[in-house]
C-alpha cells in the first residue's frame, strides 16, 4: 500500500468560508490550513480520499496538477471516497453549469452518503456548502449512493458513519498487505487535535468528535495505523 498526500496548497479561510491560497508573508484574517486529499494505491485500486477545492491554474484543476506531480493521471483513479460534503472536501469533484456537471474523475466510482447530501441540501444559508454543485450531483452516472451506517466497500476498504463534524460524516479504513490507513477527515484534521482532547464549537457535534478521536488514537497505537490529516500543513501522515 502506498499513501500519497495530494496537497493543493495552504489556504487562509475566513468566517464566510472563503478560501484564499496563501503566499509567503500574507496576513491571516481568520485561520489557515492545508487542503490535501490523499491517494492510497493498493494492488486493486487507486483510491482518492476527498477531492479538495475547485480552484484551477491555467484552466486546469489544481487537483489534476497535484496528481500529475506524482505521475498519476485523473483517469487512473478507480474510487473516490467522500467523507462529507463541505466544499473544501467535495468541490474538486468537478465543474457545474446550468445544465451539466463535468466530472473530474469519470472513470472512478464515487462514494457519497445519501443522508449527508439530504442534510447538505437544506443548508442554503451555510457557506460551508456549495449548493449549486450539490444540486447537480444526481447528473453523475458514476456515484454509488451509500445508506448504511457501516460496512465494506471492498475487501480492503471499510467505512463508518460517525457524525461529529457533520451529521453523517464518515471515516474510512483501508487495509492491504498487513497495513492500515485510517482517514477521519474533519473529525481528525490535524495531528495536534490528538494533544487537545476538547470539543470544538465548529463541529456539528463537538463532544462526539472528541470521543471519536480518543477511541481512534487508542486503536492507532495498538494496531500501528497510518493516520491521514487532511488539513495539517506540516504533518500529513503519521504511523503510530
Protein backbone atom coordinates (compact mmCIF):
# COMPACT_ATOMS: atom_id res chain seq x y z
CA UNK A 1 0.00 0.00 0.00
CA UNK A 2 1.23 3.45 -0.93
CA UNK A 3 -0.12 6.66 0.67
CA UNK A 4 0.41 9.92 -1.21
CA UNK A 5 -0.75 13.33 0.09
CA UNK A 6 -2.18 15.24 -2.89
CA UNK A 7 -1.67 18.71 -1.47
CA UNK A 8 -3.33 21.59 -3.31
CA UNK A 9 -1.71 24.17 -1.06
CA UNK A 10 -2.07 26.10 2.19
CA UNK A 11 -5.07 28.40 2.45
CA UNK A 12 -6.42 31.23 4.54
CA UNK A 13 -10.11 30.85 5.34
CA UNK A 14 -12.37 33.50 6.85
CA UNK A 15 -15.67 33.30 8.72
CA UNK A 16 -17.55 33.34 5.43
CA UNK A 17 -15.71 30.14 4.43
CA UNK A 18 -13.88 31.94 1.66
CA UNK A 19 -10.57 30.24 0.82
CA UNK A 20 -7.51 32.12 -0.42
CA UNK A 21 -4.28 30.44 -1.45
CA UNK A 22 -1.54 31.56 0.93
CA UNK A 23 1.61 33.23 -0.24
CA UNK A 24 4.68 33.86 1.90
CA UNK A 25 4.18 36.94 4.06
CA UNK A 26 0.39 37.03 3.72
CA UNK A 27 -1.51 38.33 6.73
CA UNK A 28 -4.09 35.85 8.04
CA UNK A 29 -7.58 37.21 8.67
CA UNK A 30 -9.07 34.18 10.42
CA UNK A 31 -7.30 30.82 10.18
CA UNK A 32 -5.06 28.83 7.89
CA UNK A 33 -4.98 25.21 6.84
CA UNK A 34 -3.74 22.79 4.22
CA UNK A 35 -6.08 21.35 1.63
CA UNK A 36 -4.75 17.89 0.85
CA UNK A 37 -6.73 14.93 -0.39
CA UNK A 38 -4.96 11.58 -0.20
CA UNK A 39 -4.28 8.95 -2.81
CA UNK A 40 -3.99 5.41 -1.49
CA UNK A 41 -2.68 2.90 -4.01
CA UNK A 42 -3.25 -0.82 -3.47
CA UNK A 43 -2.87 -3.76 -5.83
CA UNK A 44 -6.55 -3.37 -6.71
CA UNK A 45 -7.34 0.35 -6.65
CA UNK A 46 -6.21 3.95 -6.87
CA UNK A 47 -8.33 5.46 -4.08
CA UNK A 48 -8.81 9.21 -3.70
CA UNK A 49 -9.93 10.35 -0.25
CA UNK A 50 -11.88 13.62 -0.72
CA UNK A 51 -11.28 15.96 -3.64
CA UNK A 52 -10.23 19.38 -2.37
CA UNK A 53 -11.44 22.73 -3.68
CA UNK A 54 -12.50 23.70 -7.21
CA UNK A 55 -9.61 26.08 -7.89
CA UNK A 56 -7.72 25.94 -11.16
CA UNK A 57 -4.41 27.22 -12.55
CA UNK A 58 -4.04 27.87 -16.27
CA UNK A 59 -7.54 26.41 -16.74
CA UNK A 60 -6.55 23.08 -15.18
CA UNK A 61 -7.91 21.93 -11.79
CA UNK A 62 -5.29 22.16 -9.06
CA UNK A 63 -6.01 18.59 -8.03
CA UNK A 64 -5.00 17.43 -11.54
CA UNK A 65 -1.70 19.26 -11.20
CA UNK A 66 -1.13 17.79 -7.75
CA UNK A 67 -1.81 14.27 -9.05
CA UNK A 68 0.44 14.79 -12.07
CA UNK A 69 3.32 15.73 -9.77
CA UNK A 70 3.05 12.13 -8.55
CA UNK A 71 2.87 10.81 -12.13
CA UNK A 72 -0.81 9.97 -11.68
CA UNK A 73 -3.46 10.85 -14.27
CA UNK A 74 -7.07 11.54 -13.19
CA UNK A 75 -8.23 8.60 -15.34
CA UNK A 76 -6.24 6.22 -13.13
CA UNK A 77 -8.46 6.96 -10.09
CA UNK A 78 -10.78 3.99 -9.59
CA UNK A 79 -12.58 5.10 -6.41
CA UNK A 80 -13.34 8.49 -4.84
CA UNK A 81 -14.44 8.31 -1.19
CA UNK A 82 -16.09 11.44 0.21
CA UNK A 83 -16.08 11.88 3.97
CA UNK A 84 -18.66 14.70 3.85
CA UNK A 85 -19.85 17.42 1.51
CA UNK A 86 -18.28 20.64 2.78
CA UNK A 87 -16.92 22.50 -0.22
CA UNK A 88 -13.25 22.18 0.76
CA UNK A 89 -13.64 18.39 0.58
CA UNK A 90 -16.11 17.95 -2.28
CA UNK A 91 -15.75 20.80 -4.78
CA UNK A 92 -12.90 19.06 -6.58
CA UNK A 93 -15.40 16.56 -7.96
CA UNK A 94 -15.86 18.76 -10.99
CA UNK A 95 -17.37 21.83 -12.58
CA UNK A 96 -21.05 22.64 -12.97
CA UNK A 97 -23.01 24.95 -15.20
CA UNK A 98 -26.73 25.49 -15.65
CA UNK A 99 -27.46 22.12 -17.22
CA UNK A 100 -24.43 19.87 -16.78
CA UNK A 101 -21.79 18.53 -14.42
CA UNK A 102 -18.31 17.91 -15.80
CA UNK A 103 -16.83 15.26 -13.52
CA UNK A 104 -13.08 15.38 -12.90
CA UNK A 105 -12.97 11.61 -12.31
CA UNK A 106 -15.32 9.98 -14.82
CA UNK A 107 -13.56 6.60 -14.65
CA UNK A 108 -13.98 6.30 -10.87
CA UNK A 109 -16.82 5.11 -8.69
CA UNK A 110 -17.69 8.00 -6.37
CA UNK A 111 -18.99 7.03 -2.92
CA UNK A 112 -21.27 9.52 -1.13
CA UNK A 113 -23.57 9.16 1.88
CA UNK A 114 -27.14 9.87 0.73
CA UNK A 115 -28.09 11.23 4.16
CA UNK A 116 -25.16 13.64 4.09
CA UNK A 117 -26.45 15.02 0.79
CA UNK A 118 -30.02 15.26 2.09
CA UNK A 119 -28.80 17.31 5.06
CA UNK A 120 -26.48 19.47 2.96
CA UNK A 121 -29.23 20.43 0.52
CA UNK A 122 -31.14 22.02 3.40
CA UNK A 123 -28.18 24.29 4.30
CA UNK A 124 -28.75 27.14 1.82
CA UNK A 125 -27.52 29.76 4.30
CA UNK A 126 -24.45 27.78 5.35
CA UNK A 127 -21.33 28.97 3.48
CA UNK A 128 -19.60 25.64 4.07
CA UNK A 129 -21.64 24.08 1.25
CA UNK A 130 -21.59 24.70 -2.50
CA UNK A 131 -25.31 24.20 -3.08
CA UNK A 132 -25.26 24.62 -6.91
CA UNK A 133 -22.75 21.76 -7.16
CA UNK A 134 -24.61 19.53 -4.71
CA UNK A 135 -27.91 20.06 -6.51
CA UNK A 136 -26.40 18.58 -9.68
CA UNK A 137 -24.74 15.51 -8.19
CA UNK A 138 -27.65 13.43 -9.48
CA UNK A 139 -26.36 14.08 -13.03
CA UNK A 140 -23.28 11.95 -12.41
CA UNK A 141 -23.76 8.32 -13.51
CA UNK A 142 -20.75 7.06 -11.55
CA UNK A 143 -21.97 7.85 -7.99
CA UNK A 144 -22.54 4.99 -5.56
CA UNK A 145 -25.09 6.23 -3.03
CA UNK A 146 -24.38 4.92 0.46
CA UNK A 147 -27.14 4.40 3.01
CA UNK A 148 -25.67 2.07 5.65
CA UNK A 149 -24.08 3.15 8.92
CA UNK A 150 -21.03 0.96 8.37
CA UNK A 151 -19.79 -1.72 6.04
CA UNK A 152 -17.33 -2.83 3.39
CA UNK A 153 -16.86 -1.16 0.03
CA UNK A 154 -14.36 -3.84 -0.97
CA UNK A 155 -12.40 -6.44 0.97
CA UNK A 156 -9.80 -3.70 1.54
CA UNK A 157 -12.00 -0.65 2.20
CA UNK A 158 -14.38 -0.22 5.14
CA UNK A 159 -16.45 2.80 6.17
CA UNK A 160 -18.39 4.01 9.20
CA UNK A 161 -20.81 6.90 9.59
CA UNK A 162 -19.61 8.61 12.76
CA UNK A 163 -21.22 12.05 12.81
CA UNK A 164 -19.24 14.62 14.71
CA UNK A 165 -18.05 17.32 12.32
CA UNK A 166 -21.21 16.95 10.23
CA UNK A 167 -24.33 14.83 10.93
CA UNK A 168 -23.41 11.99 8.55
CA UNK A 169 -19.65 12.45 8.36
CA UNK A 170 -17.89 9.15 7.70
CA UNK A 171 -14.44 7.68 8.25
CA UNK A 172 -12.57 5.15 6.11
CA UNK A 173 -10.09 2.36 6.77
CA UNK A 174 -8.02 0.81 4.01
CA UNK A 175 -6.27 -2.45 4.86
CA UNK A 176 -3.78 -4.04 2.48
CA UNK A 177 -0.69 -6.20 2.87
CA UNK A 178 -0.85 -6.08 6.66
CA UNK A 179 -1.07 -2.26 6.82
CA UNK A 180 -3.96 0.03 7.76
CA UNK A 181 -4.54 3.57 6.54
CA UNK A 182 -7.14 5.48 8.57
CA UNK A 183 -8.88 8.64 7.41
CA UNK A 184 -11.02 10.50 9.95
CA UNK A 185 -11.28 13.63 7.75
CA UNK A 186 -12.52 16.66 9.70
CA UNK A 187 -13.12 14.74 12.90
CA UNK A 188 -9.32 14.39 12.98
CA UNK A 189 -7.97 17.00 10.55
CA UNK A 190 -4.73 17.87 12.38
CA UNK A 191 -2.19 15.88 14.33
CA UNK A 192 -2.45 18.50 17.10
CA UNK A 193 -6.09 17.50 17.74
CA UNK A 194 -4.76 14.39 19.48
CA UNK A 195 -2.93 16.56 22.01
CA UNK A 196 -6.02 18.63 22.84
CA UNK A 197 -8.95 16.41 23.90
CA UNK A 198 -11.58 19.14 23.65
CA UNK A 199 -14.89 19.63 21.86
CA UNK A 200 -14.76 22.21 19.07
CA UNK A 201 -17.66 24.58 18.50
CA UNK A 202 -17.04 24.42 14.75
CA UNK A 203 -18.26 20.80 14.74
CA UNK A 204 -21.91 19.82 14.42
CA UNK A 205 -21.41 17.58 17.49
CA UNK A 206 -18.11 18.54 19.08
CA UNK A 207 -18.47 16.15 22.00
CA UNK A 208 -18.93 13.19 19.66
CA UNK A 209 -15.91 14.23 17.60
CA UNK A 210 -13.78 14.46 20.75
CA UNK A 211 -14.85 10.97 21.85
CA UNK A 212 -14.04 9.56 18.41
CA UNK A 213 -10.53 10.99 18.48
CA UNK A 214 -9.82 9.34 21.83
CA UNK A 215 -11.04 5.99 20.53
CA UNK A 216 -9.11 6.25 17.28
CA UNK A 217 -5.85 7.15 18.97
CA UNK A 218 -6.02 4.01 21.13
CA UNK A 219 -6.69 1.83 18.09
CA UNK A 220 -4.00 3.58 16.04
CA UNK A 221 -1.38 2.90 18.71
CA UNK A 222 -2.49 -0.70 19.26
CA UNK A 223 -2.66 -1.58 15.56
CA UNK A 224 0.06 0.77 14.19
CA UNK A 225 -2.23 2.62 11.80
CA UNK A 226 -1.13 5.19 9.28
CA UNK A 227 -3.35 8.18 10.14
CA UNK A 228 -4.07 10.82 7.48
CA UNK A 229 -4.52 14.50 8.42
CA UNK A 230 -6.35 16.46 5.69
CA UNK A 231 -5.73 20.00 7.00
CA UNK A 232 -2.30 19.61 8.61
CA UNK A 233 0.18 21.97 6.98
CA UNK A 234 3.28 20.14 8.25
CA UNK A 235 2.41 16.51 9.06
CA UNK A 236 0.03 14.88 6.59
CA UNK A 237 0.64 11.25 7.63
CA UNK A 238 1.77 9.62 10.87
CA UNK A 239 2.32 5.94 11.58
CA UNK A 240 1.55 5.08 15.20
